Amino acid sequence: MRLSALFNRGDTLVAYSFMYGPKMEKACPMCTSMRDGLDGNAPIAQRTSLVVIASSPLERIVDFARGRGWRNLRLVSSAGNSYNLDYQAKMPRAGNGRC
């Protein structure tokens, strides 16, 4: 997905990085709690595009969202791209294979 495709409601983008990586057994409880509240408010954003980005595959993120009853959040996966490296949430692997 191109970055420009995320701007569906005006020229402001709010991107929330949801800590739910592919190796995590469960999503971050604080992120989950915040998303629970934000889901109800997401429809009232008039000129702001809101996306929730996690590094798990999209199907896994969507399954989690369904289980929480989230219906209004736009979910995006950063699996397979450089998003987390680009905004420095993840460090490149060193030569020894550790972050």
Protein backbone atom coordinates (compact mmCIF):
# COMPACT_ATOMS: atom_id res chain seq x y z
CA MET A 1 0.00 0.00 0.00
CA ARG A 2 1.30 3.45 -0.85
CA LEU A 3 1.42 6.08 1.88
CA SER A 4 -0.84 8.35 -0.15
CA ALA A 5 -3.60 5.70 0.04
CA LEU A 6 -3.81 6.20 3.80
CA PHE A 7 -5.08 9.78 3.40
CA ASN A 8 -8.74 9.00 2.85
CA ARG A 9 -10.20 11.81 5.03
CA GLY A 10 -8.18 14.91 4.34
CA ASP A 11 -4.57 15.93 4.55
CA THR A 12 -3.84 14.84 8.14
CA LEU A 13 -2.77 11.31 9.00
CA VAL A 14 -2.69 9.87 12.51
CA ALA A 15 -0.85 6.55 12.58
CA TYR A 16 -0.91 4.53 15.77
CA SER A 17 1.72 1.82 16.01
CA PHE A 18 -0.01 -1.06 17.73
CA MET A 19 2.41 -3.33 19.58
CA TYR A 20 1.24 -6.67 18.23
CA GLY A 21 4.13 -8.35 16.50
CA PRO A 22 4.01 -11.72 14.77
CA LYS A 23 5.96 -13.41 17.59
CA MET A 24 3.87 -11.92 20.40
CA GLU A 25 1.45 -14.35 22.02
CA LYS A 26 -0.87 -11.48 22.97
CA ALA A 27 -1.16 -7.84 21.95
CA CYS A 28 0.08 -5.12 24.28
CA PRO A 29 -2.62 -4.63 26.94
CA MET A 30 -2.17 -0.84 27.05
CA CYS A 31 -2.41 -0.56 23.25
CA THR A 32 -5.49 -2.78 23.34
CA SER A 33 -7.17 -0.67 26.00
CA MET A 34 -6.46 2.53 24.08
CA ARG A 35 -7.81 1.01 20.85
CA ASP A 36 -10.98 -0.10 22.64
CA GLY A 37 -11.77 3.55 23.40
CA LEU A 38 -10.60 4.90 20.08
CA ASP A 39 -12.75 2.50 18.08
CA GLY A 40 -15.92 4.22 19.29
CA ASN A 41 -14.57 7.67 18.47
CA ALA A 42 -13.02 6.85 15.08
CA PRO A 43 -16.17 7.60 13.02
CA ILE A 44 -16.31 11.23 14.18
CA ALA A 45 -12.92 12.12 12.67
CA GLN A 46 -13.96 14.48 9.90
CA ARG A 47 -10.72 15.61 8.28
CA THR A 48 -8.23 13.21 9.79
CA SER A 49 -7.27 9.79 8.50
CA LEU A 50 -6.59 7.35 11.32
CA VAL A 51 -4.77 4.06 10.84
CA VAL A 52 -3.63 1.43 13.31
CA ILE A 53 -0.44 -0.30 12.20
CA ALA A 54 0.96 -3.55 13.60
CA SER A 55 3.76 -5.76 12.36
CA SER A 56 1.70 -8.96 12.44
CA PRO A 57 0.13 -10.22 9.22
CA LEU A 58 -3.11 -8.37 8.44
CA GLU A 59 -5.29 -11.48 8.88
CA ARG A 60 -4.02 -11.88 12.46
CA ILE A 61 -4.63 -8.19 13.23
CA VAL A 62 -8.16 -8.36 11.81
CA ASP A 63 -8.94 -11.53 13.79
CA PHE A 64 -7.79 -9.83 16.98
CA ALA A 65 -9.85 -6.73 16.18
CA ARG A 66 -12.98 -8.82 15.58
CA GLY A 67 -12.48 -10.53 18.93
CA ARG A 68 -12.37 -7.12 20.62
CA GLY A 69 -15.43 -5.89 18.74
CA TRP A 70 -13.52 -3.18 16.87
CA ARG A 71 -15.50 -2.11 13.82
CA ASN A 72 -14.32 1.40 13.03
CA LEU A 73 -10.53 1.31 13.05
CA ARG A 74 -8.61 1.14 9.79
CA LEU A 75 -6.07 -1.65 10.31
CA VAL A 76 -2.81 -1.92 8.39
CA SER A 77 0.02 -4.44 8.55
CA SER A 78 3.65 -3.43 8.36
CA ALA A 79 4.73 -7.04 7.84
CA GLY A 80 7.14 -7.31 4.94
CA ASN A 81 7.97 -3.61 4.64
CA SER A 82 10.34 -1.13 6.24
CA TYR A 83 7.79 0.93 8.22
CA ASN A 84 9.12 -0.02 11.68
CA LEU A 85 12.71 0.61 10.63
CA ASP A 86 11.81 3.89 8.91
CA TYR A 87 10.33 5.47 12.01
CA GLN A 88 12.98 3.82 14.21
CA ALA A 89 10.73 1.57 16.26
CA LYS A 90 12.95 -1.32 15.31
CA MET A 91 16.69 -1.38 14.95
CA PRO A 92 18.39 -3.07 12.02
CA ARG A 93 19.87 -6.44 12.86
CA ALA A 94 23.53 -6.41 13.74
CA GLY A 95 25.95 -8.88 12.20
CA ASN A 96 25.41 -11.27 15.10
CA GLY A 97 21.70 -11.70 14.32
CA ARG A 98 20.51 -9.78 17.39
CA CYS A 99 18.68 -6.46 17.42
